[in-house]
Amino acid sequence: MELGLGFDENDYLSCCGSTQFAKEMASASPFPSYQHALSVARHIWFNTVDVNGWLQAFSAHPSIGQTRAPSHASQTSAQWSKGEQSTALATATGSSLQELAEWNARYMQKFGFVFLICASGRSTESILAELKKRYTNRPIVEFEIAAQEQMKITELRLSKLFTSKGNIISTTDKNSSLATKKAEEERVSIIGGHVTAASDTLTAKSIQNPSRTRPPITTHVLDVSRGSPASGIDVLLEKWNGNQARPIFGYTDSDGWVVQGSSSTDSDGRSGQLMNIVDDVDPGIYRISFNTGKYNPNGFFPSVSIVFEILESQTRQHFHVPLLLSPFSFSTYRGS
């Protein structure tokens, strides 16, 4: 039996409230394995869905502590939300729910979207503590964390979706399904296991691609201050080939960097092809630079460069380096 058989956009919309995500997942179905479905889901969420799609998905969730889902959320999504908050509701008191409601309102006023956290197995006390902690974040950082939390929720719901349809267990995928079930149980049982620290947002999971259809290194730029993709930004990709094994901080060796390719971001904030499409990317140290000064002459950063290393064990992975811009800051993570 093929996984994904019979799934439509509404099924995937219950897993993630972005219509763009649901359409892409339905188009990619059916999947040869459950793990492949998760990899495709991560790729679509981080590499294809735009800023508006992220915000649309966020808006499909009720505030933590509330059981009534937004009117545009599906019935299945509403039921899952209630189940995911079962531990929090079971451990709540009248005073803690009141405090949670007050902090939810503060969060919404500051960031413009609902506080999002993978609540499975978490008490009201731990959720409230995390809300207060994340409230101190800069908007650009919190936007990234919320996107990571949404992906965790989506992963849990995809597991529920496949299980409910009876498609997760087949004669050829029993080991994979058992591993997935174990992973889900561990995720639910570990309190605080879904908290994304600031350092963790810099490194996300990468996809194993048996045969590529795009370059192994890609990027796109989002202008958080405008709530839209940033188009027309020049992007340059280079690889280190200097006399030293790796670039040394404070030491300038302009001849050490070899250009791999360059492009400009399109209307969706995505750059064109920065390197050849190859199954195995060369290991080494890479630098991707953005001409942010041209995009915003009055901005704080005339340019932004990000240096990262690809190890021998990562040559078949995909490396996506999004850049989130605000007037006086930038943030990035290696997305899957």
C-alpha atoms as a PDB file:
ATOM      1  CA  MET A   1       0.000   0.000   0.000  1.00  0.00           C
ATOM      2  CA  GLU A   2       1.353   3.435  -0.893  1.00  0.00           C
ATOM      3  CA  LEU A   3       1.478   6.017   1.841  1.00  0.00           C
ATOM      4  CA  GLY A   4      -0.500   9.170   1.141  1.00  0.00           C
ATOM      5  CA  LEU A   5      -3.110   7.368  -0.958  1.00  0.00           C
ATOM      6  CA  GLY A   6      -6.456   9.141  -0.574  1.00  0.00           C
ATOM      7  CA  PHE A   7      -5.058  12.237   1.158  1.00  0.00           C
ATOM      8  CA  ASP A   8      -6.292  15.553  -0.185  1.00  0.00           C
ATOM      9  CA  GLU A   9      -5.653  19.211   0.585  1.00  0.00           C
ATOM     10  CA  ASN A  10      -8.156  19.237   3.460  1.00  0.00           C
ATOM     11  CA  ASP A  11      -6.309  16.383   5.146  1.00  0.00           C
ATOM     12  CA  TYR A  12      -3.009  18.237   4.993  1.00  0.00           C
ATOM     13  CA  LEU A  13      -4.698  21.525   5.942  1.00  0.00           C
ATOM     14  CA  SER A  14      -5.658  19.900   9.243  1.00  0.00           C
ATOM     15  CA  CYS A  15      -1.964  19.208   9.847  1.00  0.00           C
ATOM     16  CA  CYS A  16      -0.857  22.736   8.974  1.00  0.00           C
ATOM     17  CA  GLY A  17      -3.185  25.694   8.458  1.00  0.00           C
ATOM     18  CA  SER A  18      -1.323  27.021   5.414  1.00  0.00           C
ATOM     19  CA  THR A  19      -3.261  26.451   2.177  1.00  0.00           C
ATOM     20  CA  GLN A  20       0.017  26.681   0.277  1.00  0.00           C
ATOM     21  CA  PHE A  21       1.476  23.879   2.384  1.00  0.00           C
ATOM     22  CA  ALA A  22      -1.632  21.732   1.906  1.00  0.00           C
ATOM     23  CA  LYS A  23      -1.616  22.164  -1.882  1.00  0.00           C
ATOM     24  CA  GLU A  24       2.078  21.317  -2.166  1.00  0.00           C
ATOM     25  CA  MET A  25       1.716  18.203   0.008  1.00  0.00           C
ATOM     26  CA  ALA A  26      -1.331  16.981  -1.915  1.00  0.00           C
ATOM     27  CA  SER A  27       0.528  17.530  -5.174  1.00  0.00           C
ATOM     28  CA  ALA A  28       3.546  15.558  -3.900  1.00  0.00           C
ATOM     29  CA  SER A  29       1.432  12.594  -2.685  1.00  0.00           C
ATOM     30  CA  PRO A  30       1.570   9.628  -2.521  1.00  0.00           C
ATOM     31  CA  PHE A  31       4.845   9.083  -0.686  1.00  0.00           C
ATOM     32  CA  PRO A  32       7.052   5.968  -0.835  1.00  0.00           C
ATOM     33  CA  SER A  33       7.607   6.041   2.936  1.00  0.00           C
ATOM     34  CA  TYR A  34       6.464   7.898   6.018  1.00  0.00           C
ATOM     35  CA  GLN A  35       9.928   9.357   6.600  1.00  0.00           C
ATOM     36  CA  HIS A  36       9.948  10.679   3.045  1.00  0.00           C
ATOM     37  CA  ALA A  37       6.613  12.368   3.700  1.00  0.00           C
ATOM     38  CA  LEU A  38       8.137  14.129   6.712  1.00  0.00           C
ATOM     39  CA  SER A  39      11.165  15.237   4.684  1.00  0.00           C
ATOM     40  CA  VAL A  40       8.947  16.658   1.963  1.00  0.00           C
ATOM     41  CA  ALA A  41       6.803  18.410   4.571  1.00  0.00           C
ATOM     42  CA  ARG A  42       9.864  20.078   6.131  1.00  0.00           C
ATOM     43  CA  HIS A  43      11.123  21.124   2.728  1.00  0.00           C
ATOM     44  CA  ILE A  44       7.774  22.647   1.738  1.00  0.00           C
ATOM     45  CA  TRP A  45       7.355  24.460   5.048  1.00  0.00           C
ATOM     46  CA  PHE A  46      10.828  26.003   5.208  1.00  0.00           C
ATOM     47  CA  ASN A  47      11.652  26.405   1.505  1.00  0.00           C
ATOM     48  CA  THR A  48       8.359  26.913  -0.346  1.00  0.00           C
ATOM     49  CA  VAL A  49       5.737  28.433   1.949  1.00  0.00           C
ATOM     50  CA  ASP A  50       6.089  32.225   2.080  1.00  0.00           C
ATOM     51  CA  VAL A  51       5.714  34.610   5.006  1.00  0.00           C
ATOM     52  CA  ASN A  52       1.978  34.983   4.504  1.00  0.00           C
ATOM     53  CA  GLY A  53       1.650  31.199   4.527  1.00  0.00           C
ATOM     54  CA  TRP A  54       3.509  30.985   7.839  1.00  0.00           C
ATOM     55  CA  LEU A  55       1.204  33.605   9.373  1.00  0.00           C
ATOM     56  CA  GLN A  56      -1.857  31.827   7.966  1.00  0.00           C
ATOM     57  CA  ALA A  57      -0.757  28.593   9.651  1.00  0.00           C
ATOM     58  CA  PHE A  58      -0.152  30.391  12.949  1.00  0.00           C
ATOM     59  CA  SER A  59      -3.634  31.912  12.841  1.00  0.00           C
ATOM     60  CA  ALA A  60      -5.289  28.470  12.614  1.00  0.00           C
ATOM     61  CA  HIS A  61      -4.300  27.707  16.223  1.00  0.00           C
ATOM     62  CA  PRO A  62      -6.308  28.685  19.300  1.00  0.00           C
ATOM     63  CA  SER A  63      -4.489  30.509  22.053  1.00  0.00           C
ATOM     64  CA  ILE A  64      -2.902  28.151  24.574  1.00  0.00           C
ATOM     65  CA  GLY A  65      -5.461  27.557  27.330  1.00  0.00           C
ATOM     66  CA  GLN A  66      -8.443  27.941  25.018  1.00  0.00           C
ATOM     67  CA  THR A  67     -10.305  24.983  23.538  1.00  0.00           C
ATOM     68  CA  ARG A  68     -12.247  26.926  20.929  1.00  0.00           C
ATOM     69  CA  ALA A  69     -10.323  26.964  17.650  1.00  0.00           C
ATOM     70  CA  PRO A  70     -10.548  29.839  15.120  1.00  0.00           C
ATOM     71  CA  SER A  71     -13.571  29.641  12.807  1.00  0.00           C
ATOM     72  CA  HIS A  72     -11.404  28.978   9.732  1.00  0.00           C
ATOM     73  CA  ALA A  73      -9.686  25.964  11.337  1.00  0.00           C
ATOM     74  CA  SER A  74     -10.949  22.533  10.281  1.00  0.00           C
ATOM     75  CA  GLN A  75     -12.900  20.319  12.661  1.00  0.00           C
ATOM     76  CA  THR A  76     -10.067  17.796  12.692  1.00  0.00           C
ATOM     77  CA  SER A  77      -7.523  20.509  13.477  1.00  0.00           C
ATOM     78  CA  ALA A  78      -9.724  21.753  16.323  1.00  0.00           C
ATOM     79  CA  GLN A  79      -9.967  18.244  17.788  1.00  0.00           C
ATOM     80  CA  TRP A  80      -6.224  17.751  17.544  1.00  0.00           C
ATOM     81  CA  SER A  81      -5.557  21.119  19.189  1.00  0.00           C
ATOM     82  CA  LYS A  82      -7.761  20.130  22.104  1.00  0.00           C
ATOM     83  CA  GLY A  83      -5.930  16.830  22.485  1.00  0.00           C
ATOM     84  CA  GLU A  84      -2.515  18.497  22.272  1.00  0.00           C
ATOM     85  CA  GLN A  85      -3.497  20.823  25.112  1.00  0.00           C
ATOM     86  CA  SER A  86      -4.971  18.054  27.268  1.00  0.00           C
ATOM     87  CA  THR A  87      -2.058  17.992  29.727  1.00  0.00           C
ATOM     88  CA  ALA A  88      -2.035  21.770  30.013  1.00  0.00           C
ATOM     89  CA  LEU A  89      -5.789  21.898  30.652  1.00  0.00           C
ATOM     90  CA  ALA A  90      -5.606  19.035  33.141  1.00  0.00           C
ATOM     91  CA  THR A  91      -2.939  20.837  35.190  1.00  0.00           C
ATOM     92  CA  ALA A  92      -4.517  24.297  34.963  1.00  0.00           C
ATOM     93  CA  THR A  93      -6.180  26.261  37.742  1.00  0.00           C
ATOM     94  CA  GLY A  94      -8.446  29.260  37.488  1.00  0.00           C
ATOM     95  CA  SER A  95      -5.619  31.628  38.367  1.00  0.00           C
ATOM     96  CA  SER A  96      -3.096  30.010  35.991  1.00  0.00           C
ATOM     97  CA  LEU A  97      -5.572  30.154  33.098  1.00  0.00           C
ATOM     98  CA  GLN A  98      -6.205  33.814  33.845  1.00  0.00           C
ATOM     99  CA  GLU A  99      -2.476  34.549  33.904  1.00  0.00           C
ATOM    100  CA  LEU A 100      -2.009  32.565  30.693  1.00  0.00           C
ATOM    101  CA  ALA A 101      -4.761  34.565  28.988  1.00  0.00           C
ATOM    102  CA  GLU A 102      -3.139  37.837  30.051  1.00  0.00           C
ATOM    103  CA  TRP A 103       0.285  36.798  28.740  1.00  0.00           C
ATOM    104  CA  ASN A 104      -1.248  35.502  25.502  1.00  0.00           C
ATOM    105  CA  ALA A 105      -2.736  38.962  24.968  1.00  0.00           C
ATOM    106  CA  ARG A 106       0.617  40.649  25.665  1.00  0.00           C
ATOM    107  CA  TYR A 107       2.352  38.303  23.249  1.00  0.00           C
ATOM    108  CA  MET A 108      -0.199  38.936  20.499  1.00  0.00           C
ATOM    109  CA  GLN A 109       0.126  42.690  20.950  1.00  0.00           C
ATOM    110  CA  LYS A 110       3.923  42.580  20.698  1.00  0.00           C
ATOM    111  CA  PHE A 111       4.419  40.052  17.899  1.00  0.00           C
ATOM    112  CA  GLY A 112       1.146  40.153  15.949  1.00  0.00           C
ATOM    113  CA  PHE A 113       0.509  36.400  15.981  1.00  0.00           C
ATOM    114  CA  VAL A 114      -0.602  33.764  18.490  1.00  0.00           C
ATOM    115  CA  PHE A 115       1.947  32.258  20.885  1.00  0.00           C
ATOM    116  CA  LEU A 116       2.804  28.935  19.285  1.00  0.00           C
ATOM    117  CA  ILE A 117       4.309  25.963  21.090  1.00  0.00           C
ATOM    118  CA  CYS A 118       4.083  22.205  20.640  1.00  0.00           C
ATOM    119  CA  ALA A 119       2.028  21.692  23.804  1.00  0.00           C
ATOM    120  CA  SER A 120       1.813  17.877  23.856  1.00  0.00           C
ATOM    121  CA  GLY A 121       2.745  16.594  27.312  1.00  0.00           C
ATOM    122  CA  ARG A 122       3.385  20.070  28.727  1.00  0.00           C
ATOM    123  CA  SER A 123       1.801  21.468  31.875  1.00  0.00           C
ATOM    124  CA  THR A 124       0.263  24.914  32.120  1.00  0.00           C
ATOM    125  CA  GLU A 125       3.097  25.967  34.415  1.00  0.00           C
ATOM    126  CA  SER A 126       5.822  24.986  31.930  1.00  0.00           C
ATOM    127  CA  ILE A 127       3.986  26.606  29.008  1.00  0.00           C
ATOM    128  CA  LEU A 128       3.497  29.826  30.927  1.00  0.00           C
ATOM    129  CA  ALA A 129       7.176  29.886  31.875  1.00  0.00           C
ATOM    130  CA  GLU A 130       8.159  29.419  28.228  1.00  0.00           C
ATOM    131  CA  LEU A 131       5.751  32.142  27.106  1.00  0.00           C
ATOM    132  CA  LYS A 132       7.285  34.625  29.539  1.00  0.00           C
ATOM    133  CA  LYS A 133      10.788  33.651  28.429  1.00  0.00           C
ATOM    134  CA  ARG A 134      10.045  34.000  24.723  1.00  0.00           C
ATOM    135  CA  TYR A 135       8.191  37.285  25.235  1.00  0.00           C
ATOM    136  CA  THR A 136      11.580  38.954  25.752  1.00  0.00           C
ATOM    137  CA  ASN A 137      12.784  37.905  22.274  1.00  0.00           C
ATOM    138  CA  ARG A 138      13.146  40.268  19.372  1.00  0.00           C
ATOM    139  CA  PRO A 139      10.301  39.833  16.844  1.00  0.00           C
ATOM    140  CA  ILE A 140      12.647  38.486  14.180  1.00  0.00           C
ATOM    141  CA  VAL A 141      13.901  35.753  16.532  1.00  0.00           C
ATOM    142  CA  GLU A 142      10.442  34.857  17.769  1.00  0.00           C
ATOM    143  CA  PHE A 143       9.139  34.557  14.208  1.00  0.00           C
ATOM    144  CA  GLU A 144      11.730  31.846  13.546  1.00  0.00           C
ATOM    145  CA  ILE A 145      10.941  29.987  16.766  1.00  0.00           C
ATOM    146  CA  ALA A 146       7.224  30.020  15.996  1.00  0.00           C
ATOM    147  CA  ALA A 147       7.920  28.527  12.557  1.00  0.00           C
ATOM    148  CA  GLN A 148       9.989  25.747  14.150  1.00  0.00           C
ATOM    149  CA  GLU A 149       7.215  25.014  16.667  1.00  0.00           C
ATOM    150  CA  GLN A 150       4.662  24.876  13.856  1.00  0.00           C
ATOM    151  CA  MET A 151       6.770  22.243  12.092  1.00  0.00           C
ATOM    152  CA  LYS A 152       6.870  20.133  15.251  1.00  0.00           C
ATOM    153  CA  ILE A 153       3.078  20.308  15.522  1.00  0.00           C
ATOM    154  CA  THR A 154       2.775  19.430  11.840  1.00  0.00           C
ATOM    155  CA  GLU A 155       4.989  16.370  12.287  1.00  0.00           C
ATOM    156  CA  LEU A 156       2.809  15.071  15.135  1.00  0.00           C
ATOM    157  CA  ARG A 157      -0.349  15.629  13.133  1.00  0.00           C
ATOM    158  CA  LEU A 158       1.026  13.948  10.030  1.00  0.00           C
ATOM    159  CA  SER A 159       1.667  10.896  12.188  1.00  0.00           C
ATOM    160  CA  LYS A 160      -1.945  11.018  13.399  1.00  0.00           C
ATOM    161  CA  LEU A 161      -3.188  11.478   9.846  1.00  0.00           C
ATOM    162  CA  PHE A 162      -1.344   8.477   8.450  1.00  0.00           C
ATOM    163  CA  THR A 163      -2.297   6.347  11.451  1.00  0.00           C
ATOM    164  CA  SER A 164      -5.982   7.277  11.229  1.00  0.00           C
ATOM    165  CA  LYS A 165      -6.081   6.308   7.563  1.00  0.00           C
ATOM    166  CA  GLY A 166      -4.383   2.988   8.240  1.00  0.00           C
ATOM    167  CA  ASN A 167      -1.608   3.819   5.806  1.00  0.00           C
ATOM    168  CA  ILE A 168       1.332   4.035   8.150  1.00  0.00           C
ATOM    169  CA  ILE A 169       1.860   0.275   8.497  1.00  0.00           C
ATOM    170  CA  SER A 170       2.584  -1.787   5.418  1.00  0.00           C
ATOM    171  CA  THR A 171       4.505  -4.955   4.717  1.00  0.00           C
ATOM    172  CA  THR A 172       7.453  -2.918   3.491  1.00  0.00           C
ATOM    173  CA  ASP A 173       7.445  -0.114   6.052  1.00  0.00           C
ATOM    174  CA  LYS A 174       6.840  -1.743   9.447  1.00  0.00           C
ATOM    175  CA  ASN A 175      10.260  -0.871  10.868  1.00  0.00           C
ATOM    176  CA  SER A 176       9.917   2.729   9.760  1.00  0.00           C
ATOM    177  CA  SER A 177       6.444   3.074  11.274  1.00  0.00           C
ATOM    178  CA  LEU A 178       7.541   1.577  14.593  1.00  0.00           C
ATOM    179  CA  ALA A 179      10.468   3.978  14.741  1.00  0.00           C
ATOM    180  CA  THR A 180       8.112   6.868  13.996  1.00  0.00           C
ATOM    181  CA  LYS A 181       5.708   5.795  16.729  1.00  0.00           C
ATOM    182  CA  LYS A 182       8.572   5.545  19.226  1.00  0.00           C
ATOM    183  CA  ALA A 183       9.820   8.980  18.244  1.00  0.00           C
ATOM    184  CA  GLU A 184       6.350  10.432  18.750  1.00  0.00           C
ATOM    185  CA  GLU A 185       5.990   8.827  22.167  1.00  0.00           C
ATOM    186  CA  GLU A 186       9.359  10.227  23.236  1.00  0.00           C
ATOM    187  CA  ARG A 187       8.404  13.653  21.947  1.00  0.00           C
ATOM    188  CA  VAL A 188       5.162  13.675  23.921  1.00  0.00           C
ATOM    189  CA  SER A 189       6.725  12.386  27.150  1.00  0.00           C
ATOM    190  CA  ILE A 190       9.712  14.692  27.474  1.00  0.00           C
ATOM    191  CA  ILE A 191       8.682  17.910  29.185  1.00  0.00           C
ATOM    192  CA  GLY A 192      10.392  20.845  27.565  1.00  0.00           C
ATOM    193  CA  GLY A 193      11.674  18.740  24.698  1.00  0.00           C
ATOM    194  CA  HIS A 194      10.116  21.054  22.161  1.00  0.00           C
ATOM    195  CA  VAL A 195      11.670  24.276  23.458  1.00  0.00           C
ATOM    196  CA  THR A 196      13.790  25.815  20.719  1.00  0.00           C
ATOM    197  CA  ALA A 197      16.777  27.651  22.184  1.00  0.00           C
ATOM    198  CA  ALA A 198      18.192  30.571  20.272  1.00  0.00           C
ATOM    199  CA  SER A 199      21.234  28.574  19.257  1.00  0.00           C
ATOM    200  CA  ASP A 200      19.064  25.728  17.981  1.00  0.00           C
ATOM    201  CA  THR A 201      17.340  28.015  15.491  1.00  0.00           C
ATOM    202  CA  LEU A 202      20.644  28.415  13.685  1.00  0.00           C
ATOM    203  CA  THR A 203      20.721  24.755  12.681  1.00  0.00           C
ATOM    204  CA  ALA A 204      17.655  22.908  11.400  1.00  0.00           C
ATOM    205  CA  LYS A 205      17.413  19.373  10.043  1.00  0.00           C
ATOM    206  CA  SER A 206      18.547  18.715   6.487  1.00  0.00           C
ATOM    207  CA  ILE A 207      16.942  16.509   3.868  1.00  0.00           C
ATOM    208  CA  GLN A 208      18.613  13.440   2.451  1.00  0.00           C
ATOM    209  CA  ASN A 209      18.072  13.571  -1.313  1.00  0.00           C
ATOM    210  CA  PRO A 210      18.845  10.448  -3.359  1.00  0.00           C
ATOM    211  CA  SER A 211      18.726  12.498  -6.562  1.00  0.00           C
ATOM    212  CA  ARG A 212      18.631  16.257  -6.599  1.00  0.00           C
ATOM    213  CA  THR A 213      16.321  18.453  -8.613  1.00  0.00           C
ATOM    214  CA  ARG A 214      17.911  21.715  -7.399  1.00  0.00           C
ATOM    215  CA  PRO A 215      21.320  22.950  -6.250  1.00  0.00           C
ATOM    216  CA  PRO A 216      22.506  21.625  -2.860  1.00  0.00           C
ATOM    217  CA  ILE A 217      22.811  25.181  -1.477  1.00  0.00           C
ATOM    218  CA  THR A 218      19.875  27.597  -1.762  1.00  0.00           C
ATOM    219  CA  THR A 219      18.649  30.712  -0.002  1.00  0.00           C
ATOM    220  CA  HIS A 220      15.847  33.227   0.206  1.00  0.00           C
ATOM    221  CA  VAL A 221      15.418  36.539   2.019  1.00  0.00           C
ATOM    222  CA  LEU A 222      12.389  37.716   4.006  1.00  0.00           C
ATOM    223  CA  ASP A 223      11.852  41.327   5.040  1.00  0.00           C
ATOM    224  CA  VAL A 224      10.155  40.961   8.411  1.00  0.00           C
ATOM    225  CA  SER A 225       9.696  44.727   8.831  1.00  0.00           C
ATOM    226  CA  ARG A 226       7.498  44.748   5.719  1.00  0.00           C
ATOM    227  CA  GLY A 227       6.072  41.285   6.139  1.00  0.00           C
ATOM    228  CA  SER A 228       7.059  40.278   2.618  1.00  0.00           C
ATOM    229  CA  PRO A 229       9.863  38.641   0.634  1.00  0.00           C
ATOM    230  CA  ALA A 230      12.850  40.833  -0.224  1.00  0.00           C
ATOM    231  CA  SER A 231      13.397  40.997  -3.987  1.00  0.00           C
ATOM    232  CA  GLY A 232      16.335  42.387  -5.934  1.00  0.00           C
ATOM    233  CA  ILE A 233      19.051  41.515  -3.389  1.00  0.00           C
ATOM    234  CA  ASP A 234      22.329  40.427  -4.977  1.00  0.00           C
ATOM    235  CA  VAL A 235      23.564  37.102  -3.586  1.00  0.00           C
ATOM    236  CA  LEU A 236      27.089  35.678  -3.909  1.00  0.00           C
ATOM    237  CA  LEU A 237      28.164  32.122  -3.010  1.00  0.00           C
ATOM    238  CA  GLU A 238      31.873  31.359  -2.424  1.00  0.00           C
ATOM    239  CA  LYS A 239      33.944  28.391  -1.244  1.00  0.00           C
ATOM    240  CA  TRP A 240      37.116  28.610   0.850  1.00  0.00           C
ATOM    241  CA  ASN A 241      40.285  27.532  -0.955  1.00  0.00           C
ATOM    242  CA  GLY A 242      42.938  29.529   0.865  1.00  0.00           C
ATOM    243  CA  ASN A 243      46.402  28.632   2.112  1.00  0.00           C
ATOM    244  CA  GLN A 244      45.019  27.865   5.555  1.00  0.00           C
ATOM    245  CA  ALA A 245      42.746  24.859   6.103  1.00  0.00           C
ATOM    246  CA  ARG A 246      39.990  27.236   7.180  1.00  0.00           C
ATOM    247  CA  PRO A 247      39.623  31.028   7.284  1.00  0.00           C
ATOM    248  CA  ILE A 248      41.084  32.610  10.417  1.00  0.00           C
ATOM    249  CA  PHE A 249      39.096  35.258  12.244  1.00  0.00           C
ATOM    250  CA  GLY A 250      40.680  38.681  11.793  1.00  0.00           C
ATOM    251  CA  TYR A 251      42.909  37.512   8.914  1.00  0.00           C
ATOM    252  CA  THR A 252      42.022  38.791   5.446  1.00  0.00           C
ATOM    253  CA  ASP A 253      42.783  36.568   2.490  1.00  0.00           C
ATOM    254  CA  SER A 254      40.689  37.805  -0.411  1.00  0.00           C
ATOM    255  CA  ASP A 255      42.245  35.228  -2.746  1.00  0.00           C
ATOM    256  CA  GLY A 256      41.106  32.398  -0.495  1.00  0.00           C
ATOM    257  CA  TRP A 257      37.461  32.599  -1.527  1.00  0.00           C
ATOM    258  CA  VAL A 258      36.448  31.115  -4.887  1.00  0.00           C
ATOM    259  CA  VAL A 259      33.162  32.244  -6.425  1.00  0.00           C
ATOM    260  CA  GLN A 260      30.672  29.417  -6.987  1.00  0.00           C
ATOM    261  CA  GLY A 261      27.878  31.548  -8.408  1.00  0.00           C
ATOM    262  CA  SER A 262      25.805  34.693  -8.026  1.00  0.00           C
ATOM    263  CA  SER A 263      22.228  35.786  -8.554  1.00  0.00           C
ATOM    264  CA  SER A 264      19.523  38.181  -7.359  1.00  0.00           C
ATOM    265  CA  THR A 265      16.420  37.355  -5.350  1.00  0.00           C
ATOM    266  CA  ASP A 266      13.129  37.207  -7.243  1.00  0.00           C
ATOM    267  CA  SER A 267       9.686  38.493  -6.237  1.00  0.00           C
ATOM    268  CA  ASP A 268       9.406  35.653  -3.714  1.00  0.00           C
ATOM    269  CA  GLY A 269      12.784  36.542  -2.172  1.00  0.00           C
ATOM    270  CA  ARG A 270      14.487  33.434  -3.580  1.00  0.00           C
ATOM    271  CA  SER A 271      17.798  33.552  -5.395  1.00  0.00           C
ATOM    272  CA  GLY A 272      18.434  31.931  -8.747  1.00  0.00           C
ATOM    273  CA  GLN A 273      20.786  28.988  -9.150  1.00  0.00           C
ATOM    274  CA  LEU A 274      24.002  29.657  -7.203  1.00  0.00           C
ATOM    275  CA  MET A 275      25.801  26.433  -8.163  1.00  0.00           C
ATOM    276  CA  ASN A 276      25.428  23.353 -10.325  1.00  0.00           C
ATOM    277  CA  ILE A 277      22.891  20.656  -9.487  1.00  0.00           C
ATOM    278  CA  VAL A 278      25.025  17.760  -8.233  1.00  0.00           C
ATOM    279  CA  ASP A 279      24.170  14.772  -6.046  1.00  0.00           C
ATOM    280  CA  ASP A 280      27.287  15.198  -3.886  1.00  0.00           C
ATOM    281  CA  VAL A 281      28.313  18.697  -2.873  1.00  0.00           C
ATOM    282  CA  ASP A 282      32.018  19.230  -2.172  1.00  0.00           C
ATOM    283  CA  PRO A 283      32.721  19.321   1.577  1.00  0.00           C
ATOM    284  CA  GLY A 284      34.362  22.478   2.837  1.00  0.00           C
ATOM    285  CA  ILE A 285      33.678  25.971   4.120  1.00  0.00           C
ATOM    286  CA  TYR A 286      31.274  28.193   2.209  1.00  0.00           C
ATOM    287  CA  ARG A 287      30.319  31.849   2.436  1.00  0.00           C
ATOM    288  CA  ILE A 288      27.057  33.319   1.198  1.00  0.00           C
ATOM    289  CA  SER A 289      26.855  37.121   1.026  1.00  0.00           C
ATOM    290  CA  PHE A 290      23.895  39.455   0.586  1.00  0.00           C
ATOM    291  CA  ASN A 291      24.080  43.007  -0.782  1.00  0.00           C
ATOM    292  CA  THR A 292      21.595  44.368   1.744  1.00  0.00           C
ATOM    293  CA  GLY A 293      22.905  47.920   1.337  1.00  0.00           C
ATOM    294  CA  LYS A 294      21.626  48.015  -2.247  1.00  0.00           C
ATOM    295  CA  TYR A 295      18.226  46.756  -1.102  1.00  0.00           C
ATOM    296  CA  ASN A 296      17.965  49.301   1.714  1.00  0.00           C
ATOM    297  CA  PRO A 297      20.530  52.141   1.434  1.00  0.00           C
ATOM    298  CA  ASN A 298      19.385  53.530   4.801  1.00  0.00           C
ATOM    299  CA  GLY A 299      19.631  50.178   6.571  1.00  0.00           C
ATOM    300  CA  PHE A 300      22.063  49.292   9.326  1.00  0.00           C
ATOM    301  CA  PHE A 301      23.930  46.601   7.365  1.00  0.00           C
ATOM    302  CA  PRO A 302      25.624  47.510   4.049  1.00  0.00           C
ATOM    303  CA  SER A 303      26.118  43.776   3.485  1.00  0.00           C
ATOM    304  CA  VAL A 304      25.665  40.482   5.321  1.00  0.00           C
ATOM    305  CA  SER A 305      27.885  37.391   5.010  1.00  0.00           C
ATOM    306  CA  ILE A 306      27.246  33.962   6.503  1.00  0.00           C
ATOM    307  CA  VAL A 307      30.023  31.364   6.726  1.00  0.00           C
ATOM    308  CA  PHE A 308      29.174  27.688   7.220  1.00  0.00           C
ATOM    309  CA  GLU A 309      30.868  24.309   6.863  1.00  0.00           C
ATOM    310  CA  ILE A 310      29.697  21.186   5.020  1.00  0.00           C
ATOM    311  CA  LEU A 311      31.238  18.014   6.432  1.00  0.00           C
ATOM    312  CA  GLU A 312      32.144  14.813   4.598  1.00  0.00           C
ATOM    313  CA  SER A 313      29.092  13.136   6.124  1.00  0.00           C
ATOM    314  CA  GLN A 314      26.778  15.876   4.815  1.00  0.00           C
ATOM    315  CA  THR A 315      27.621  15.891   1.114  1.00  0.00           C
ATOM    316  CA  ARG A 316      24.210  14.539   0.079  1.00  0.00           C
ATOM    317  CA  GLN A 317      22.198  16.870   2.292  1.00  0.00           C
ATOM    318  CA  HIS A 318      20.473  20.051   1.204  1.00  0.00           C
ATOM    319  CA  PHE A 319      21.518  23.332   2.799  1.00  0.00           C
ATOM    320  CA  HIS A 320      19.013  26.174   2.778  1.00  0.00           C
ATOM    321  CA  VAL A 321      20.135  29.458   4.351  1.00  0.00           C
ATOM    322  CA  PRO A 322      17.197  31.875   4.738  1.00  0.00           C
ATOM    323  CA  LEU A 323      17.893  35.448   5.860  1.00  0.00           C
ATOM    324  CA  LEU A 324      15.341  37.387   7.912  1.00  0.00           C
ATOM    325  CA  LEU A 325      15.836  41.139   7.764  1.00  0.00           C
ATOM    326  CA  SER A 326      14.583  43.936   9.994  1.00  0.00           C
ATOM    327  CA  PRO A 327      15.712  47.599   9.989  1.00  0.00           C
ATOM    328  CA  PHE A 328      18.479  47.079  12.556  1.00  0.00           C
ATOM    329  CA  SER A 329      19.056  43.335  12.718  1.00  0.00           C
ATOM    330  CA  PHE A 330      19.190  40.134  10.744  1.00  0.00           C
ATOM    331  CA  SER A 331      18.806  36.497  11.661  1.00  0.00           C
ATOM    332  CA  THR A 332      19.438  33.232   9.885  1.00  0.00           C
ATOM    333  CA  TYR A 333      19.369  29.473  10.334  1.00  0.00           C
ATOM    334  CA  ARG A 334      20.334  26.548   8.159  1.00  0.00           C
ATOM    335  CA  GLY A 335      16.923  25.299   7.134  1.00  0.00           C
ATOM    336  CA  SER A 336      16.040  21.884   5.841  1.00  0.00           C
END
